[in-house]
């Protein structure tokens, strides 16, 4: 997964990059039972952030749009939770911190979309 320091303006792309970065991070986790199980949940939640946002953009109604954005926000919050439970090697603590920050920013963005819609 290619990452840059600049965050993309396109939210679908930003969600895709987040999911890809999470996948890369999980691959680097020590292979113990908690990391394996938490990593599985994390990968699912991080991927669902973007998948539900894409569904929101294809919504048939405003109600459907809001529901999908709410789910996307929920999945970003769940990603934050699973990230906090993972235990990376010390050299990947910054990656963990950066991903937690991104999950929180995605939650805030989705929350802002809900307020404005």
PDB file of N, CA and C in Angstrom:
ATOM      1  N   UNK A   1       0.847  -1.173   0.000  1.00  0.00           N
ATOM      2  CA  UNK A   1       0.000   0.000   0.000  1.00  0.00           C
ATOM      3  C   UNK A   1       0.893   1.237   0.000  1.00  0.00           C
ATOM      4  N   UNK A   2       0.628   2.138  -0.903  1.00  0.00           N
ATOM      5  CA  UNK A   2       1.391   3.376  -0.991  1.00  0.00           C
ATOM      6  C   UNK A   2       0.747   4.398  -0.054  1.00  0.00           C
ATOM      7  N   UNK A   3       1.561   5.027   0.770  1.00  0.00           N
ATOM      8  CA  UNK A   3       1.048   6.062   1.659  1.00  0.00           C
ATOM      9  C   UNK A   3       1.831   7.344   1.431  1.00  0.00           C
ATOM     10  N   UNK A   4       1.171   8.435   1.688  1.00  0.00           N
ATOM     11  CA  UNK A   4       1.817   9.732   1.584  1.00  0.00           C
ATOM     12  C   UNK A   4       1.571  10.497   2.870  1.00  0.00           C
ATOM     13  N   UNK A   5       2.323  11.566   3.076  1.00  0.00           N
ATOM     14  CA  UNK A   5       2.115  12.405   4.252  1.00  0.00           C
ATOM     15  C   UNK A   5       0.879  13.272   4.103  1.00  0.00           C
ATOM     16  N   UNK A   6       0.484  13.544   2.872  1.00  0.00           N
ATOM     17  CA  UNK A   6      -0.679  14.387   2.615  1.00  0.00           C
ATOM     18  C   UNK A   6      -1.934  13.517   2.594  1.00  0.00           C
ATOM     19  N   UNK A   7      -2.942  13.930   3.361  1.00  0.00           N
ATOM     20  CA  UNK A   7      -4.183  13.166   3.399  1.00  0.00           C
ATOM     21  C   UNK A   7      -5.027  13.532   2.186  1.00  0.00           C
ATOM     22  N   UNK A   8      -5.593  12.536   1.520  1.00  0.00           N
ATOM     23  CA  UNK A   8      -6.391  12.831   0.325  1.00  0.00           C
ATOM     24  C   UNK A   8      -7.668  13.584   0.677  1.00  0.00           C
ATOM     25  N   UNK A   9      -8.073  14.449  -0.230  1.00  0.00           N
ATOM     26  CA  UNK A   9      -9.301  15.216  -0.049  1.00  0.00           C
ATOM     27  C   UNK A   9     -10.510  14.312  -0.237  1.00  0.00           C
ATOM     28  N   UNK A  10     -10.417  13.369  -1.169  1.00  0.00           N
ATOM     29  CA  UNK A  10     -11.502  12.446  -1.458  1.00  0.00           C
ATOM     30  C   UNK A  10     -11.651  11.470  -0.284  1.00  0.00           C
ATOM     31  N   UNK A  11     -12.815  11.482   0.363  1.00  0.00           N
ATOM     32  CA  UNK A  11     -13.009  10.679   1.562  1.00  0.00           C
ATOM     33  C   UNK A  11     -13.030   9.182   1.264  1.00  0.00           C
ATOM     34  N   UNK A  12     -13.548   8.788   0.112  1.00  0.00           N
ATOM     35  CA  UNK A  12     -13.508   7.368  -0.254  1.00  0.00           C
ATOM     36  C   UNK A  12     -12.058   6.892  -0.352  1.00  0.00           C
ATOM     37  N   UNK A  13     -11.219   7.697  -0.974  1.00  0.00           N
ATOM     38  CA  UNK A  13      -9.803   7.339  -1.097  1.00  0.00           C
ATOM     39  C   UNK A  13      -9.124   7.319   0.267  1.00  0.00           C
ATOM     40  N   UNK A  14      -9.461   8.280   1.110  1.00  0.00           N
ATOM     41  CA  UNK A  14      -8.869   8.329   2.450  1.00  0.00           C
ATOM     42  C   UNK A  14      -9.254   7.088   3.257  1.00  0.00           C
ATOM     43  N   UNK A  15     -10.499   6.662   3.141  1.00  0.00           N
ATOM     44  CA  UNK A  15     -10.944   5.445   3.831  1.00  0.00           C
ATOM     45  C   UNK A  15     -10.218   4.213   3.289  1.00  0.00           C
ATOM     46  N   UNK A  16     -10.018   4.172   1.983  1.00  0.00           N
ATOM     47  CA  UNK A  16      -9.290   3.064   1.361  1.00  0.00           C
ATOM     48  C   UNK A  16      -7.846   3.022   1.873  1.00  0.00           C
ATOM     49  N   UNK A  17      -7.202   4.174   1.924  1.00  0.00           N
ATOM     50  CA  UNK A  17      -5.822   4.235   2.434  1.00  0.00           C
ATOM     51  C   UNK A  17      -5.758   3.807   3.892  1.00  0.00           C
ATOM     52  N   UNK A  18      -6.751   4.215   4.689  1.00  0.00           N
ATOM     53  CA  UNK A  18      -6.797   3.814   6.096  1.00  0.00           C
ATOM     54  C   UNK A  18      -6.873   2.294   6.203  1.00  0.00           C
ATOM     55  N   UNK A  19      -7.780   1.683   5.459  1.00  0.00           N
ATOM     56  CA  UNK A  19      -7.920   0.226   5.495  1.00  0.00           C
ATOM     57  C   UNK A  19      -6.624  -0.464   5.055  1.00  0.00           C
ATOM     58  N   UNK A  20      -5.980   0.062   4.032  1.00  0.00           N
ATOM     59  CA  UNK A  20      -4.721  -0.511   3.563  1.00  0.00           C
ATOM     60  C   UNK A  20      -3.616  -0.380   4.593  1.00  0.00           C
ATOM     61  N   UNK A  21      -3.551   0.769   5.234  1.00  0.00           N
ATOM     62  CA  UNK A  21      -2.539   0.976   6.281  1.00  0.00           C
ATOM     63  C   UNK A  21      -2.787   0.043   7.465  1.00  0.00           C
ATOM     64  N   UNK A  22      -4.057  -0.158   7.802  1.00  0.00           N
ATOM     65  CA  UNK A  22      -4.391  -1.097   8.877  1.00  0.00           C
ATOM     66  C   UNK A  22      -3.945  -2.505   8.490  1.00  0.00           C
ATOM     67  N   UNK A  23      -4.216  -2.913   7.255  1.00  0.00           N
ATOM     68  CA  UNK A  23      -3.775  -4.245   6.798  1.00  0.00           C
ATOM     69  C   UNK A  23      -2.264  -4.400   6.950  1.00  0.00           C
ATOM     70  N   UNK A  24      -1.517  -3.389   6.519  1.00  0.00           N
ATOM     71  CA  UNK A  24      -0.056  -3.435   6.635  1.00  0.00           C
ATOM     72  C   UNK A  24       0.378  -3.542   8.105  1.00  0.00           C
ATOM     73  N   UNK A  25      -0.274  -2.762   8.966  1.00  0.00           N
ATOM     74  CA  UNK A  25       0.041  -2.762  10.402  1.00  0.00           C
ATOM     75  C   UNK A  25      -0.223  -4.141  11.015  1.00  0.00           C
ATOM     76  N   UNK A  26      -1.379  -4.734  10.690  1.00  0.00           N
ATOM     77  CA  UNK A  26      -1.735  -6.031  11.268  1.00  0.00           C
ATOM     78  C   UNK A  26      -0.747  -7.108  10.836  1.00  0.00           C
ATOM     79  N   UNK A  27      -0.271  -7.017   9.601  1.00  0.00           N
ATOM     80  CA  UNK A  27       0.721  -7.996   9.126  1.00  0.00           C
ATOM     81  C   UNK A  27       2.012  -7.959   9.957  1.00  0.00           C
ATOM     82  N   UNK A  28       2.316  -6.804  10.551  1.00  0.00           N
ATOM     83  CA  UNK A  28       3.550  -6.632  11.321  1.00  0.00           C
ATOM     84  C   UNK A  28       3.402  -6.993  12.802  1.00  0.00           C
ATOM     85  N   UNK A  29       2.167  -7.250  13.257  1.00  0.00           N
ATOM     86  CA  UNK A  29       1.958  -7.544  14.673  1.00  0.00           C
ATOM     87  C   UNK A  29       2.580  -8.887  15.053  1.00  0.00           C
ATOM     88  N   UNK A  30       3.103  -8.990  16.292  1.00  0.00           N
ATOM     89  CA  UNK A  30       3.564 -10.290  16.771  1.00  0.00           C
ATOM     90  C   UNK A  30       2.405 -11.297  16.713  1.00  0.00           C
ATOM     91  N   UNK A  31       2.706 -12.526  16.361  1.00  0.00           N
ATOM     92  CA  UNK A  31       1.674 -13.543  16.151  1.00  0.00           C
ATOM     93  C   UNK A  31       1.352 -14.277  17.462  1.00  0.00           C
ATOM     94  N   UNK A  32       0.693 -13.557  18.383  1.00  0.00           N
ATOM     95  CA  UNK A  32       0.175 -14.220  19.573  1.00  0.00           C
ATOM     96  C   UNK A  32      -1.357 -14.196  19.498  1.00  0.00           C
ATOM     97  N   UNK A  33      -2.009 -14.960  20.349  1.00  0.00           N
ATOM     98  CA  UNK A  33      -3.463 -15.128  20.237  1.00  0.00           C
ATOM     99  C   UNK A  33      -4.222 -13.799  20.330  1.00  0.00           C
ATOM    100  N   UNK A  34      -3.921 -12.926  21.301  1.00  0.00           N
ATOM    101  CA  UNK A  34      -4.674 -11.660  21.346  1.00  0.00           C
ATOM    102  C   UNK A  34      -4.486 -10.809  20.083  1.00  0.00           C
ATOM    103  N   UNK A  35      -3.259 -10.694  19.600  1.00  0.00           N
ATOM    104  CA  UNK A  35      -3.036  -9.894  18.392  1.00  0.00           C
ATOM    105  C   UNK A  35      -3.717 -10.503  17.177  1.00  0.00           C
ATOM    106  N   UNK A  36      -3.719 -11.812  17.076  1.00  0.00           N
ATOM    107  CA  UNK A  36      -4.374 -12.459  15.932  1.00  0.00           C
ATOM    108  C   UNK A  36      -5.869 -12.175  15.965  1.00  0.00           C
ATOM    109  N   UNK A  37      -6.492 -12.376  17.110  1.00  0.00           N
ATOM    110  CA  UNK A  37      -7.941 -12.170  17.213  1.00  0.00           C
ATOM    111  C   UNK A  37      -8.311 -10.689  17.095  1.00  0.00           C
ATOM    112  N   UNK A  38      -7.590  -9.822  17.784  1.00  0.00           N
ATOM    113  CA  UNK A  38      -7.866  -8.385  17.696  1.00  0.00           C
ATOM    114  C   UNK A  38      -7.572  -7.865  16.295  1.00  0.00           C
ATOM    115  N   UNK A  39      -6.530  -8.394  15.673  1.00  0.00           N
ATOM    116  CA  UNK A  39      -6.176  -7.990  14.311  1.00  0.00           C
ATOM    117  C   UNK A  39      -7.261  -8.347  13.314  1.00  0.00           C
ATOM    118  N   UNK A  40      -7.864  -9.516  13.462  1.00  0.00           N
ATOM    119  CA  UNK A  40      -8.963  -9.908  12.568  1.00  0.00           C
ATOM    120  C   UNK A  40     -10.119  -8.920  12.676  1.00  0.00           C
ATOM    121  N   UNK A  41     -10.479  -8.596  13.898  1.00  0.00           N
ATOM    122  CA  UNK A  41     -11.581  -7.648  14.116  1.00  0.00           C
ATOM    123  C   UNK A  41     -11.227  -6.263  13.564  1.00  0.00           C
ATOM    124  N   UNK A  42      -9.979  -5.861  13.774  1.00  0.00           N
ATOM    125  CA  UNK A  42      -9.513  -4.564  13.296  1.00  0.00           C
ATOM    126  C   UNK A  42      -9.578  -4.470  11.782  1.00  0.00           C
ATOM    127  N   UNK A  43      -9.116  -5.507  11.099  1.00  0.00           N
ATOM    128  CA  UNK A  43      -9.145  -5.508   9.629  1.00  0.00           C
ATOM    129  C   UNK A  43     -10.584  -5.383   9.129  1.00  0.00           C
ATOM    130  N   UNK A  44     -11.505  -6.123   9.752  1.00  0.00           N
ATOM    131  CA  UNK A  44     -12.916  -6.061   9.340  1.00  0.00           C
ATOM    132  C   UNK A  44     -13.491  -4.664   9.547  1.00  0.00           C
ATOM    133  N   UNK A  45     -13.265  -4.103  10.730  1.00  0.00           N
ATOM    134  CA  UNK A  45     -13.828  -2.789  11.047  1.00  0.00           C
ATOM    135  C   UNK A  45     -13.252  -1.700  10.142  1.00  0.00           C
ATOM    136  N   UNK A  46     -11.936  -1.717   9.943  1.00  0.00           N
ATOM    137  CA  UNK A  46     -11.295  -0.687   9.123  1.00  0.00           C
ATOM    138  C   UNK A  46     -11.786  -0.745   7.677  1.00  0.00           C
ATOM    139  N   UNK A  47     -11.964  -1.938   7.157  1.00  0.00           N
ATOM    140  CA  UNK A  47     -12.493  -2.071   5.803  1.00  0.00           C
ATOM    141  C   UNK A  47     -13.936  -1.613   5.703  1.00  0.00           C
ATOM    142  N   UNK A  48     -14.688  -1.816   6.773  1.00  0.00           N
ATOM    143  CA  UNK A  48     -16.101  -1.432   6.772  1.00  0.00           C
ATOM    144  C   UNK A  48     -16.309   0.084   6.801  1.00  0.00           C
ATOM    145  N   UNK A  49     -15.340   0.818   7.308  1.00  0.00           N
ATOM    146  CA  UNK A  49     -15.454   2.287   7.304  1.00  0.00           C
ATOM    147  C   UNK A  49     -15.669   2.756   5.865  1.00  0.00           C
ATOM    148  N   UNK A  50     -14.773   2.356   4.988  1.00  0.00           N
ATOM    149  CA  UNK A  50     -14.847   2.781   3.594  1.00  0.00           C
ATOM    150  C   UNK A  50     -15.986   2.140   2.830  1.00  0.00           C
ATOM    151  N   UNK A  51     -16.215   0.857   3.085  1.00  0.00           N
ATOM    152  CA  UNK A  51     -17.284   0.162   2.363  1.00  0.00           C
ATOM    153  C   UNK A  51     -18.636   0.812   2.637  1.00  0.00           C
ATOM    154  N   UNK A  52     -18.888   1.165   3.880  1.00  0.00           N
ATOM    155  CA  UNK A  52     -20.164   1.803   4.213  1.00  0.00           C
ATOM    156  C   UNK A  52     -20.239   3.239   3.711  1.00  0.00           C
ATOM    157  N   UNK A  53     -19.101   3.927   3.673  1.00  0.00           N
ATOM    158  CA  UNK A  53     -19.122   5.280   3.115  1.00  0.00           C
ATOM    159  C   UNK A  53     -19.412   5.232   1.615  1.00  0.00           C
ATOM    160  N   UNK A  54     -18.859   4.264   0.906  1.00  0.00           N
ATOM    161  CA  UNK A  54     -19.167   4.098  -0.520  1.00  0.00           C
ATOM    162  C   UNK A  54     -20.654   3.819  -0.694  1.00  0.00           C
ATOM    163  N   UNK A  55     -21.209   2.952   0.160  1.00  0.00           N
ATOM    164  CA  UNK A  55     -22.647   2.665   0.110  1.00  0.00           C
ATOM    165  C   UNK A  55     -23.464   3.937   0.376  1.00  0.00           C
ATOM    166  N   UNK A  56     -22.995   4.771   1.294  1.00  0.00           N
ATOM    167  CA  UNK A  56     -23.702   6.026   1.580  1.00  0.00           C
ATOM    168  C   UNK A  56     -23.760   6.905   0.337  1.00  0.00           C
ATOM    169  N   UNK A  57     -22.663   6.950  -0.398  1.00  0.00           N
ATOM    170  CA  UNK A  57     -22.624   7.781  -1.599  1.00  0.00           C
ATOM    171  C   UNK A  57     -23.525   7.249  -2.711  1.00  0.00           C
ATOM    172  N   UNK A  58     -23.929   6.000  -2.620  1.00  0.00           N
ATOM    173  CA  UNK A  58     -24.832   5.401  -3.602  1.00  0.00           C
ATOM    174  C   UNK A  58     -26.247   5.252  -3.038  1.00  0.00           C
ATOM    175  N   UNK A  59     -26.523   5.908  -1.925  1.00  0.00           N
ATOM    176  CA  UNK A  59     -27.811   5.758  -1.240  1.00  0.00           C
ATOM    177  C   UNK A  59     -28.979   6.209  -2.105  1.00  0.00           C
ATOM    178  N   UNK A  60     -30.109   5.547  -1.886  1.00  0.00           N
ATOM    179  CA  UNK A  60     -31.334   5.859  -2.620  1.00  0.00           C
ATOM    180  C   UNK A  60     -32.122   6.995  -1.978  1.00  0.00           C
ATOM    181  N   UNK A  61     -31.850   7.263  -0.709  1.00  0.00           N
ATOM    182  CA  UNK A  61     -32.586   8.314  -0.004  1.00  0.00           C
ATOM    183  C   UNK A  61     -31.671   8.968   1.026  1.00  0.00           C
ATOM    184  N   UNK A  62     -32.111  10.104   1.531  1.00  0.00           N
ATOM    185  CA  UNK A  62     -31.355  10.799   2.563  1.00  0.00           C
ATOM    186  C   UNK A  62     -31.281   9.952   3.841  1.00  0.00           C
ATOM    187  N   UNK A  63     -32.363   9.252   4.155  1.00  0.00           N
ATOM    188  CA  UNK A  63     -32.401   8.387   5.331  1.00  0.00           C
ATOM    189  C   UNK A  63     -31.371   7.269   5.192  1.00  0.00           C
ATOM    190  N   UNK A  64     -31.310   6.656   4.019  1.00  0.00           N
ATOM    191  CA  UNK A  64     -30.338   5.597   3.740  1.00  0.00           C
ATOM    192  C   UNK A  64     -28.911   6.145   3.837  1.00  0.00           C
ATOM    193  N   UNK A  65     -28.697   7.349   3.275  1.00  0.00           N
ATOM    194  CA  UNK A  65     -27.384   7.988   3.339  1.00  0.00           C
ATOM    195  C   UNK A  65     -26.943   8.160   4.792  1.00  0.00           C
ATOM    196  N   UNK A  66     -27.838   8.720   5.611  1.00  0.00           N
ATOM    197  CA  UNK A  66     -27.500   8.971   7.018  1.00  0.00           C
ATOM    198  C   UNK A  66     -27.197   7.659   7.760  1.00  0.00           C
ATOM    199  N   UNK A  67     -27.988   6.625   7.481  1.00  0.00           N
ATOM    200  CA  UNK A  67     -27.770   5.342   8.145  1.00  0.00           C
ATOM    201  C   UNK A  67     -26.389   4.792   7.806  1.00  0.00           C
ATOM    202  N   UNK A  68     -26.008   4.853   6.522  1.00  0.00           N
ATOM    203  CA  UNK A  68     -24.705   4.324   6.100  1.00  0.00           C
ATOM    204  C   UNK A  68     -23.553   5.131   6.693  1.00  0.00           C
ATOM    205  N   UNK A  69     -23.708   6.440   6.770  1.00  0.00           N
ATOM    206  CA  UNK A  69     -22.664   7.278   7.377  1.00  0.00           C
ATOM    207  C   UNK A  69     -22.553   6.964   8.867  1.00  0.00           C
ATOM    208  N   UNK A  70     -23.689   6.740   9.528  1.00  0.00           N
ATOM    209  CA  UNK A  70     -23.660   6.358  10.949  1.00  0.00           C
ATOM    210  C   UNK A  70     -22.910   5.046  11.135  1.00  0.00           C
ATOM    211  N   UNK A  71     -23.155   4.084  10.249  1.00  0.00           N
ATOM    212  CA  UNK A  71     -22.455   2.799  10.331  1.00  0.00           C
ATOM    213  C   UNK A  71     -20.959   3.009  10.099  1.00  0.00           C
ATOM    214  N   UNK A  72     -20.621   3.853   9.142  1.00  0.00           N
ATOM    215  CA  UNK A  72     -19.214   4.137   8.858  1.00  0.00           C
ATOM    216  C   UNK A  72     -18.539   4.757  10.084  1.00  0.00           C
ATOM    217  N   UNK A  73     -19.232   5.677  10.736  1.00  0.00           N
ATOM    218  CA  UNK A  73     -18.698   6.294  11.955  1.00  0.00           C
ATOM    219  C   UNK A  73     -18.520   5.245  13.049  1.00  0.00           C
ATOM    220  N   UNK A  74     -19.494   4.374  13.184  1.00  0.00           N
ATOM    221  CA  UNK A  74     -19.428   3.305  14.177  1.00  0.00           C
ATOM    222  C   UNK A  74     -18.231   2.388  13.915  1.00  0.00           C
ATOM    223  N   UNK A  75     -17.997   2.068  12.657  1.00  0.00           N
ATOM    224  CA  UNK A  75     -16.873   1.199  12.303  1.00  0.00           C
ATOM    225  C   UNK A  75     -15.532   1.894  12.556  1.00  0.00           C
ATOM    226  N   UNK A  76     -15.473   3.209  12.350  1.00  0.00           N
ATOM    227  CA  UNK A  76     -14.244   3.953  12.671  1.00  0.00           C
ATOM    228  C   UNK A  76     -13.981   3.915  14.179  1.00  0.00           C
ATOM    229  N   UNK A  77     -15.067   4.029  14.949  1.00  0.00           N
ATOM    230  CA  UNK A  77     -14.936   3.960  16.408  1.00  0.00           C
ATOM    231  C   UNK A  77     -14.505   2.565  16.838  1.00  0.00           C
ATOM    232  N   UNK A  78     -15.046   1.549  16.195  1.00  0.00           N
ATOM    233  CA  UNK A  78     -14.651   0.173  16.497  1.00  0.00           C
ATOM    234  C   UNK A  78     -13.188  -0.059  16.114  1.00  0.00           C
ATOM    235  N   UNK A  79     -12.766   0.497  14.988  1.00  0.00           N
ATOM    236  CA  UNK A  79     -11.355   0.392  14.585  1.00  0.00           C
ATOM    237  C   UNK A  79     -10.450   0.975  15.660  1.00  0.00           C
ATOM    238  N   UNK A  80     -10.841   2.118  16.198  1.00  0.00           N
ATOM    239  CA  UNK A  80     -10.087   2.771  17.263  1.00  0.00           C
ATOM    240  C   UNK A  80      -9.942   1.829  18.466  1.00  0.00           C
ATOM    241  N   UNK A  81     -11.041   1.185  18.828  1.00  0.00           N
ATOM    242  CA  UNK A  81     -11.045   0.252  19.951  1.00  0.00           C
ATOM    243  C   UNK A  81     -10.067  -0.898  19.718  1.00  0.00           C
ATOM    244  N   UNK A  82     -10.166  -1.548  18.545  1.00  0.00           N
ATOM    245  CA  UNK A  82      -9.301  -2.698  18.262  1.00  0.00           C
ATOM    246  C   UNK A  82      -7.840  -2.281  18.146  1.00  0.00           C
ATOM    247  N   UNK A  83      -7.597  -1.094  17.581  1.00  0.00           N
ATOM    248  CA  UNK A  83      -6.217  -0.603  17.510  1.00  0.00           C
ATOM    249  C   UNK A  83      -5.614  -0.477  18.907  1.00  0.00           C
ATOM    250  N   UNK A  84      -6.398   0.043  19.828  1.00  0.00           N
ATOM    251  CA  UNK A  84      -5.898   0.242  21.191  1.00  0.00           C
ATOM    252  C   UNK A  84      -5.585  -1.080  21.885  1.00  0.00           C
ATOM    253  N   UNK A  85      -6.246  -2.154  21.462  1.00  0.00           N
ATOM    254  CA  UNK A  85      -5.994  -3.465  22.070  1.00  0.00           C
ATOM    255  C   UNK A  85      -4.776  -4.185  21.490  1.00  0.00           C
ATOM    256  N   UNK A  86      -4.340  -3.796  20.307  1.00  0.00           N
ATOM    257  CA  UNK A  86      -3.192  -4.479  19.709  1.00  0.00           C
ATOM    258  C   UNK A  86      -1.903  -4.121  20.439  1.00  0.00           C
ATOM    259  N   UNK A  87      -0.962  -5.051  20.409  1.00  0.00           N
ATOM    260  CA  UNK A  87       0.335  -4.866  21.073  1.00  0.00           C
ATOM    261  C   UNK A  87       1.451  -5.069  20.052  1.00  0.00           C
ATOM    262  N   UNK A  88       1.836  -3.975  19.349  1.00  0.00           N
ATOM    263  CA  UNK A  88       2.903  -4.109  18.348  1.00  0.00           C
ATOM    264  C   UNK A  88       4.281  -4.145  19.004  1.00  0.00           C
ATOM    265  N   UNK A  89       5.256  -4.539  18.210  1.00  0.00           N
ATOM    266  CA  UNK A  89       6.643  -4.399  18.643  1.00  0.00           C
ATOM    267  C   UNK A  89       6.933  -2.902  18.784  1.00  0.00           C
ATOM    268  N   UNK A  90       7.894  -2.542  19.630  1.00  0.00           N
ATOM    269  CA  UNK A  90       8.163  -1.117  19.889  1.00  0.00           C
ATOM    270  C   UNK A  90       8.380  -0.265  18.634  1.00  0.00           C
ATOM    271  N   UNK A  91       8.986  -0.830  17.599  1.00  0.00           N
ATOM    272  CA  UNK A  91       9.259  -0.029  16.398  1.00  0.00           C
ATOM    273  C   UNK A  91       7.986   0.346  15.631  1.00  0.00           C
ATOM    274  N   UNK A  92       6.852  -0.254  15.993  1.00  0.00           N
ATOM    275  CA  UNK A  92       5.593   0.051  15.291  1.00  0.00           C
ATOM    276  C   UNK A  92       4.595   0.822  16.159  1.00  0.00           C
ATOM    277  N   UNK A  93       5.061   1.315  17.301  1.00  0.00           N
ATOM    278  CA  UNK A  93       4.167   2.102  18.164  1.00  0.00           C
ATOM    279  C   UNK A  93       3.713   3.393  17.489  1.00  0.00           C
ATOM    280  N   UNK A  94       4.577   4.015  16.698  1.00  0.00           N
ATOM    281  CA  UNK A  94       4.180   5.240  15.994  1.00  0.00           C
ATOM    282  C   UNK A  94       3.104   4.928  14.953  1.00  0.00           C
ATOM    283  N   UNK A  95       3.233   3.796  14.253  1.00  0.00           N
ATOM    284  CA  UNK A  95       2.198   3.390  13.298  1.00  0.00           C
ATOM    285  C   UNK A  95       0.859   3.247  14.014  1.00  0.00           C
ATOM    286  N   UNK A  96       0.879   2.600  15.184  1.00  0.00           N
ATOM    287  CA  UNK A  96      -0.340   2.426  15.965  1.00  0.00           C
ATOM    288  C   UNK A  96      -0.937   3.778  16.333  1.00  0.00           C
ATOM    289  N   UNK A  97      -0.103   4.669  16.818  1.00  0.00           N
ATOM    290  CA  UNK A  97      -0.558   6.006  17.214  1.00  0.00           C
ATOM    291  C   UNK A  97      -1.140   6.768  16.023  1.00  0.00           C
ATOM    292  N   UNK A  98      -0.466   6.701  14.878  1.00  0.00           N
ATOM    293  CA  UNK A  98      -0.956   7.386  13.675  1.00  0.00           C
ATOM    294  C   UNK A  98      -2.302   6.825  13.221  1.00  0.00           C
ATOM    295  N   UNK A  99      -2.466   5.509  13.305  1.00  0.00           N
ATOM    296  CA  UNK A  99      -3.730   4.893  12.904  1.00  0.00           C
ATOM    297  C   UNK A  99      -4.856   5.243  13.875  1.00  0.00           C
ATOM    298  N   UNK A 100      -4.550   5.315  15.157  1.00  0.00           N
ATOM    299  CA  UNK A 100      -5.558   5.740  16.136  1.00  0.00           C
ATOM    300  C   UNK A 100      -5.996   7.164  15.831  1.00  0.00           C
ATOM    301  N   UNK A 101      -5.041   8.037  15.532  1.00  0.00           N
ATOM    302  CA  UNK A 101      -5.381   9.414  15.189  1.00  0.00           C
ATOM    303  C   UNK A 101      -6.264   9.456  13.945  1.00  0.00           C
ATOM    304  N   UNK A 102      -5.920   8.666  12.930  1.00  0.00           N
ATOM    305  CA  UNK A 102      -6.712   8.651  11.696  1.00  0.00           C
ATOM    306  C   UNK A 102      -8.120   8.108  11.953  1.00  0.00           C
ATOM    307  N   UNK A 103      -8.250   7.081  12.770  1.00  0.00           N
ATOM    308  CA  UNK A 103      -9.586   6.551  13.066  1.00  0.00           C
ATOM    309  C   UNK A 103     -10.429   7.615  13.776  1.00  0.00           C
ATOM    310  N   UNK A 104      -9.812   8.375  14.659  1.00  0.00           N
ATOM    311  CA  UNK A 104     -10.539   9.433  15.368  1.00  0.00           C
ATOM    312  C   UNK A 104     -10.908  10.579  14.423  1.00  0.00           C
ATOM    313  N   UNK A 105     -10.021  10.905  13.491  1.00  0.00           N
ATOM    314  CA  UNK A 105     -10.340  11.934  12.502  1.00  0.00           C
ATOM    315  C   UNK A 105     -11.489  11.474  11.597  1.00  0.00           C
ATOM    316  N   UNK A 106     -11.473  10.209  11.208  1.00  0.00           N
ATOM    317  CA  UNK A 106     -12.576   9.686  10.386  1.00  0.00           C
ATOM    318  C   UNK A 106     -13.893   9.721  11.152  1.00  0.00           C
ATOM    319  N   UNK A 107     -13.852   9.395  12.452  1.00  0.00           N
ATOM    320  CA  UNK A 107     -15.064   9.504  13.280  1.00  0.00           C
ATOM    321  C   UNK A 107     -15.585  10.933  13.278  1.00  0.00           C
ATOM    322  N   UNK A 108     -14.674  11.888  13.442  1.00  0.00           N
ATOM    323  CA  UNK A 108     -15.073  13.299  13.479  1.00  0.00           C
ATOM    324  C   UNK A 108     -15.642  13.758  12.132  1.00  0.00           C
ATOM    325  N   UNK A 109     -15.035  13.320  11.052  1.00  0.00           N
ATOM    326  CA  UNK A 109     -15.518  13.690   9.716  1.00  0.00           C
ATOM    327  C   UNK A 109     -16.924  13.123   9.507  1.00  0.00           C
ATOM    328  N   UNK A 110     -17.110  11.848   9.841  1.00  0.00           N
ATOM    329  CA  UNK A 110     -18.433  11.225   9.661  1.00  0.00           C
ATOM    330  C   UNK A 110     -19.462  11.925  10.556  1.00  0.00           C
ATOM    331  N   UNK A 111     -19.066  12.289  11.758  1.00  0.00           N
ATOM    332  CA  UNK A 111     -19.960  13.017  12.658  1.00  0.00           C
ATOM    333  C   UNK A 111     -20.355  14.366  12.076  1.00  0.00           C
ATOM    334  N   UNK A 112     -19.397  15.038  11.483  1.00  0.00           N
ATOM    335  CA  UNK A 112     -19.673  16.332  10.858  1.00  0.00           C
ATOM    336  C   UNK A 112     -20.623  16.188   9.670  1.00  0.00           C
ATOM    337  N   UNK A 113     -20.441  15.148   8.887  1.00  0.00           N
ATOM    338  CA  UNK A 113     -21.333  14.887   7.757  1.00  0.00           C
ATOM    339  C   UNK A 113     -22.756  14.677   8.266  1.00  0.00           C
ATOM    340  N   UNK A 114     -22.885  13.937   9.366  1.00  0.00           N
ATOM    341  CA  UNK A 114     -24.218  13.675   9.928  1.00  0.00           C
ATOM    342  C   UNK A 114     -24.883  14.958  10.426  1.00  0.00           C
ATOM    343  N   UNK A 115     -24.100  15.826  11.053  1.00  0.00           N
ATOM    344  CA  UNK A 115     -24.654  17.094  11.558  1.00  0.00           C
ATOM    345  C   UNK A 115     -25.155  17.951  10.394  1.00  0.00           C
ATOM    346  N   UNK A 116     -24.416  17.938   9.287  1.00  0.00           N
ATOM    347  CA  UNK A 116     -24.747  18.796   8.151  1.00  0.00           C
ATOM    348  C   UNK A 116     -25.817  18.197   7.228  1.00  0.00           C
ATOM    349  N   UNK A 117     -26.118  16.907   7.391  1.00  0.00           N
ATOM    350  CA  UNK A 117     -27.088  16.292   6.472  1.00  0.00           C
ATOM    351  C   UNK A 117     -28.480  16.221   7.069  1.00  0.00           C
TER     352      UNK A 117
END
